[in-house]
Amino acid sequence: MTKNRKPPVAERLARYPLARDLGGAIGRGVDKLPVGEVTRATIKIKSGEVVAAAAETSAALAAGAGAAVKAGRDGFVATRDEQRHAPSATPAPAPGSTTIEVPAPASLVDQLERLQRLHTQGHLSDDEYAHAKAALLAP
């Protein structure tokens, strides 16, 4: 049985210009190390393999992310189209079911009083209180 072998590191790096440049920069740095030639060659090979693997992994992740974005977009468009074509009338509640009343939004005075209460009780700092109050009073 033959083992699946990857192409040589140089060939793998050549597919990705940034990885090729990074591998070259690492190689130039390794040349400056105070180690023997065998050690230098080993470090260059191993670092080239790491850079190639990182480039291949990044490319695979990017391809997968592109597919995920497309699937998400397609799902969004389908849901949006369904909602656009759905009847707009709110269905009547089923007999015997209960409905939930949603309270009306609080008035500005109620919101300011609530902020004051939270500030007085120590739940909001002076800065948080001033910022929230300014946000409420902004036009």
Foldseek 3Di string as FASTA:
>chain_A
DDDDDDPALCVLQVVPVVLNVVLVVVLVVLVPDPDDPVVSVVVSRVVSVVSSVVVVVVVVVVVVVVVVVVVVVVVVVVVVVCVVPDDPDDDDDDPPDDDDDDDDDDDLVVVLVVLVVCVVVPVADPVRSVVVNCVSPPD
